[in-house]
C-alpha atoms as a PDB file:
ATOM      1  CA  MET A   1      96.371  70.766  15.031  1.00  0.00           C
ATOM      2  CA  ALA A   2      93.312  71.641  17.090  1.00  0.00           C
ATOM      3  CA  SER A   3      91.095  68.793  18.220  1.00  0.00           C
ATOM      4  CA  GLY A   4      87.425  68.330  17.352  1.00  0.00           C
ATOM      5  CA  ALA A   5      86.524  68.606  21.031  1.00  0.00           C
ATOM      6  CA  ASP A   6      87.144  72.370  21.068  1.00  0.00           C
ATOM      7  CA  ARG A   7      85.108  72.752  17.850  1.00  0.00           C
ATOM      8  CA  SER A   8      87.830  74.392  15.780  1.00  0.00           C
ATOM      9  CA  VAL A   9      89.978  73.511  12.798  1.00  0.00           C
ATOM     10  CA  PHE A  10      93.577  74.382  11.983  1.00  0.00           C
ATOM     11  CA  THR A  11      94.101  75.785   8.467  1.00  0.00           C
ATOM     12  CA  GLY A  12      97.772  76.539   7.957  1.00  0.00           C
ATOM     13  CA  THR A  13      98.403  79.480  10.272  1.00  0.00           C
ATOM     14  CA  ASN A  14      94.821  80.207  11.325  1.00  0.00           C
ATOM     15  CA  VAL A  15      92.451  78.429  13.693  1.00  0.00           C
ATOM     16  CA  ILE A  16      88.833  78.815  12.621  1.00  0.00           C
ATOM     17  CA  ALA A  17      85.979  77.943  14.979  1.00  0.00           C
ATOM     18  CA  PHE A  18      83.133  75.829  13.591  1.00  0.00           C
ATOM     19  CA  PRO A  19      79.646  77.324  13.685  1.00  0.00           C
ATOM     20  CA  LYS A  20      77.766  76.332  16.809  1.00  0.00           C
ATOM     21  CA  GLY A  21      75.586  73.586  15.259  1.00  0.00           C
ATOM     22  CA  ALA A  22      78.042  72.165  12.725  1.00  0.00           C
ATOM     23  CA  LEU A  23      79.310  69.231  14.789  1.00  0.00           C
ATOM     24  CA  GLY A  24      76.047  68.606  16.632  1.00  0.00           C
ATOM     25  CA  GLN A  25      73.783  68.081  13.637  1.00  0.00           C
ATOM     26  CA  VAL A  26      72.263  64.735  12.723  1.00  0.00           C
ATOM     27  CA  ALA A  27      73.342  63.200   9.417  1.00  0.00           C
ATOM     28  CA  PHE A  28      72.893  59.972   7.489  1.00  0.00           C
ATOM     29  CA  GLU A  29      75.643  57.396   7.727  1.00  0.00           C
ATOM     30  CA  ARG A  30      77.194  56.286   4.452  1.00  0.00           C
ATOM     31  CA  GLN A  31      75.322  52.940   4.369  1.00  0.00           C
ATOM     32  CA  GLU A  32      71.992  54.606   5.192  1.00  0.00           C
ATOM     33  CA  LEU A  33      72.396  57.201   2.475  1.00  0.00           C
ATOM     34  CA  GLN A  34      73.512  54.511   0.011  1.00  0.00           C
ATOM     35  CA  ARG A  35      70.322  52.530   0.702  1.00  0.00           C
ATOM     36  CA  ILE A  36      68.123  55.621   0.307  1.00  0.00           C
ATOM     37  CA  LEU A  37      69.847  56.763  -2.903  1.00  0.00           C
ATOM     38  CA  ASP A  38      69.640  53.248  -4.332  1.00  0.00           C
ATOM     39  CA  LEU A  39      65.872  53.317  -3.809  1.00  0.00           C
ATOM     40  CA  TYR A  40      65.755  56.828  -5.279  1.00  0.00           C
ATOM     41  CA  GLY A  41      67.592  55.668  -8.414  1.00  0.00           C
ATOM     42  CA  ARG A  42      65.203  52.761  -8.907  1.00  0.00           C
ATOM     43  CA  MET A  43      62.180  55.052  -8.439  1.00  0.00           C
ATOM     44  CA  VAL A  44      63.630  57.492 -11.005  1.00  0.00           C
ATOM     45  CA  ALA A  45      64.128  54.621 -13.448  1.00  0.00           C
ATOM     46  CA  ALA A  46      60.493  53.604 -12.865  1.00  0.00           C
ATOM     47  CA  GLY A  47      59.396  57.181 -13.654  1.00  0.00           C
ATOM     48  CA  GLN A  48      57.942  57.865 -10.197  1.00  0.00           C
ATOM     49  CA  TRP A  49      60.451  60.400  -8.827  1.00  0.00           C
ATOM     50  CA  ARG A  50      62.402  63.201 -10.484  1.00  0.00           C
ATOM     51  CA  ASP A  51      64.031  65.268  -7.735  1.00  0.00           C
ATOM     52  CA  TYR A  52      65.121  65.052  -4.114  1.00  0.00           C
ATOM     53  CA  ALA A  53      66.195  67.214  -1.186  1.00  0.00           C
ATOM     54  CA  ILE A  54      68.322  66.391   1.849  1.00  0.00           C
ATOM     55  CA  ASN A  55      68.120  68.391   5.070  1.00  0.00           C
ATOM     56  CA  PHE A  56      70.384  68.118   8.121  1.00  0.00           C
ATOM     57  CA  GLU A  57      69.296  69.762  11.382  1.00  0.00           C
ATOM     58  CA  ALA A  58      70.352  69.579  15.011  1.00  0.00           C
ATOM     59  CA  ASP A  59      67.730  66.963  15.905  1.00  0.00           C
ATOM     60  CA  ALA A  60      66.897  65.228  12.602  1.00  0.00           C
ATOM     61  CA  ALA A  61      68.090  64.408   9.096  1.00  0.00           C
ATOM     62  CA  SER A  62      65.587  64.042   6.282  1.00  0.00           C
ATOM     63  CA  PHE A  63      65.402  62.936   2.664  1.00  0.00           C
ATOM     64  CA  SER A  64      62.466  64.087   0.545  1.00  0.00           C
ATOM     65  CA  ALA A  65      61.633  62.677  -2.898  1.00  0.00           C
ATOM     66  CA  TYR A  66      59.552  64.633  -5.404  1.00  0.00           C
ATOM     67  CA  ARG A  67      57.565  63.647  -8.453  1.00  0.00           C
ATOM     68  CA  ARG A  68      57.897  67.252  -9.647  1.00  0.00           C
ATOM     69  CA  THR A  69      59.976  69.950  -7.986  1.00  0.00           C
ATOM     70  CA  SER A  70      57.004  72.296  -7.645  1.00  0.00           C
ATOM     71  CA  GLU A  71      54.977  69.818  -5.571  1.00  0.00           C
ATOM     72  CA  ARG A  72      55.061  68.498  -2.051  1.00  0.00           C
ATOM     73  CA  PRO A  73      57.405  65.558  -1.529  1.00  0.00           C
ATOM     74  CA  GLN A  74      55.846  62.241  -2.506  1.00  0.00           C
ATOM     75  CA  ALA A  75      57.868  60.561   0.251  1.00  0.00           C
ATOM     76  CA  HIS A  76      59.763  61.978   3.209  1.00  0.00           C
ATOM     77  CA  ILE A  77      62.217  59.776   5.165  1.00  0.00           C
ATOM     78  CA  GLU A  78      63.326  61.117   8.528  1.00  0.00           C
ATOM     79  CA  LYS A  79      66.053  59.982  10.931  1.00  0.00           C
ATOM     80  CA  ARG A  80      65.509  61.272  14.474  1.00  0.00           C
ATOM     81  CA  PRO A  81      67.980  59.613  16.919  1.00  0.00           C
ATOM     82  CA  ALA A  82      66.184  60.994  19.989  1.00  0.00           C
ATOM     83  CA  LEU A  83      63.377  58.486  19.264  1.00  0.00           C
ATOM     84  CA  ARG A  84      65.759  55.509  19.005  1.00  0.00           C
ATOM     85  CA  SER A  85      64.661  53.952  22.303  1.00  0.00           C
ATOM     86  CA  ARG A  86      60.948  54.664  21.772  1.00  0.00           C
ATOM     87  CA  GLN A  87      59.194  53.886  18.481  1.00  0.00           C
ATOM     88  CA  GLY A  88      62.392  53.896  16.428  1.00  0.00           C
ATOM     89  CA  MET A  89      64.450  56.661  14.876  1.00  0.00           C
ATOM     90  CA  TRP A  90      63.192  56.122  11.293  1.00  0.00           C
ATOM     91  CA  THR A  91      59.896  57.521  10.006  1.00  0.00           C
ATOM     92  CA  LEU A  92      58.357  57.432   6.530  1.00  0.00           C
ATOM     93  CA  PHE A  93      55.863  60.200   5.774  1.00  0.00           C
ATOM     94  CA  GLY A  94      53.464  60.182   2.835  1.00  0.00           C
ATOM     95  CA  GLU A  95      52.582  62.968   0.431  1.00  0.00           C
ATOM     96  CA  ALA A  96      49.946  64.468   2.739  1.00  0.00           C
ATOM     97  CA  GLY A  97      52.302  64.334   5.749  1.00  0.00           C
ATOM     98  CA  GLN A  98      50.759  61.208   7.270  1.00  0.00           C
ATOM     99  CA  VAL A  99      53.050  58.728   9.019  1.00  0.00           C
ATOM    100  CA  LEU A 100      53.195  55.609   6.842  1.00  0.00           C
ATOM    101  CA  ARG A 101      55.725  53.622   8.843  1.00  0.00           C
ATOM    102  CA  ARG A 102      57.988  53.970  11.896  1.00  0.00           C
ATOM    103  CA  GLY A 103      60.741  51.644  12.944  1.00  0.00           C
ATOM    104  CA  HIS A 104      64.159  50.875  14.324  1.00  0.00           C
ATOM    105  CA  GLU A 105      65.526  49.584  10.990  1.00  0.00           C
ATOM    106  CA  LEU A 106      65.726  51.588   7.760  1.00  0.00           C
ATOM    107  CA  ALA A 107      64.935  48.539   5.591  1.00  0.00           C
ATOM    108  CA  GLY A 108      61.575  48.000   7.279  1.00  0.00           C
ATOM    109  CA  VAL A 109      60.636  51.658   6.959  1.00  0.00           C
ATOM    110  CA  LEU A 110      61.504  51.726   3.237  1.00  0.00           C
ATOM    111  CA  PHE A 111      59.507  48.570   2.476  1.00  0.00           C
ATOM    112  CA  PRO A 112      56.253  50.345   1.444  1.00  0.00           C
ATOM    113  CA  LEU A 113      58.216  52.321  -1.160  1.00  0.00           C
ATOM    114  CA  GLU A 114      60.149  49.288  -2.416  1.00  0.00           C
ATOM    115  CA  ARG A 115      56.896  47.333  -2.716  1.00  0.00           C
ATOM    116  CA  ARG A 116      55.785  49.805  -5.424  1.00  0.00           C
ATOM    117  CA  LEU A 117      58.670  48.601  -7.575  1.00  0.00           C
ATOM    118  CA  LEU A 118      57.703  44.928  -7.408  1.00  0.00           C
ATOM    119  CA  LYS A 119      56.015  43.582 -10.521  1.00  0.00           C
ATOM    120  CA  VAL A 120      54.237  40.287 -10.865  1.00  0.00           C
ATOM    121  CA  VAL A 121      55.653  38.236 -13.706  1.00  0.00           C
ATOM    122  CA  ASP A 122      53.399  35.589 -15.221  1.00  0.00           C
ATOM    123  CA  GLY A 123      55.510  32.536 -16.035  1.00  0.00           C
END
């Protein structure tokens, strides 16, 4: 079997090379995606979001949440590992494209969105 270092895969009798960017693209880890999709599910249940899109590129991975599919994303979460040692690899963008929060931890960046789900209960 061919190794991942030479960027190819063995399929029975044929060796097929991966496209140039396939192994070098940024993606969400399972726990990160689970946290984002959990928030998405709660926002759908609250009636705030209806659709989403995920994009993986060579330098960034992004998750966009939409109120309606024909609109701009209401929230855009971006993971850019090149910024890990600077302001943090996580960025939350608002509907108009403004940066709402940057950080090193996903939980802190998602806090403004999770705060929308909090309701005050009068006891």
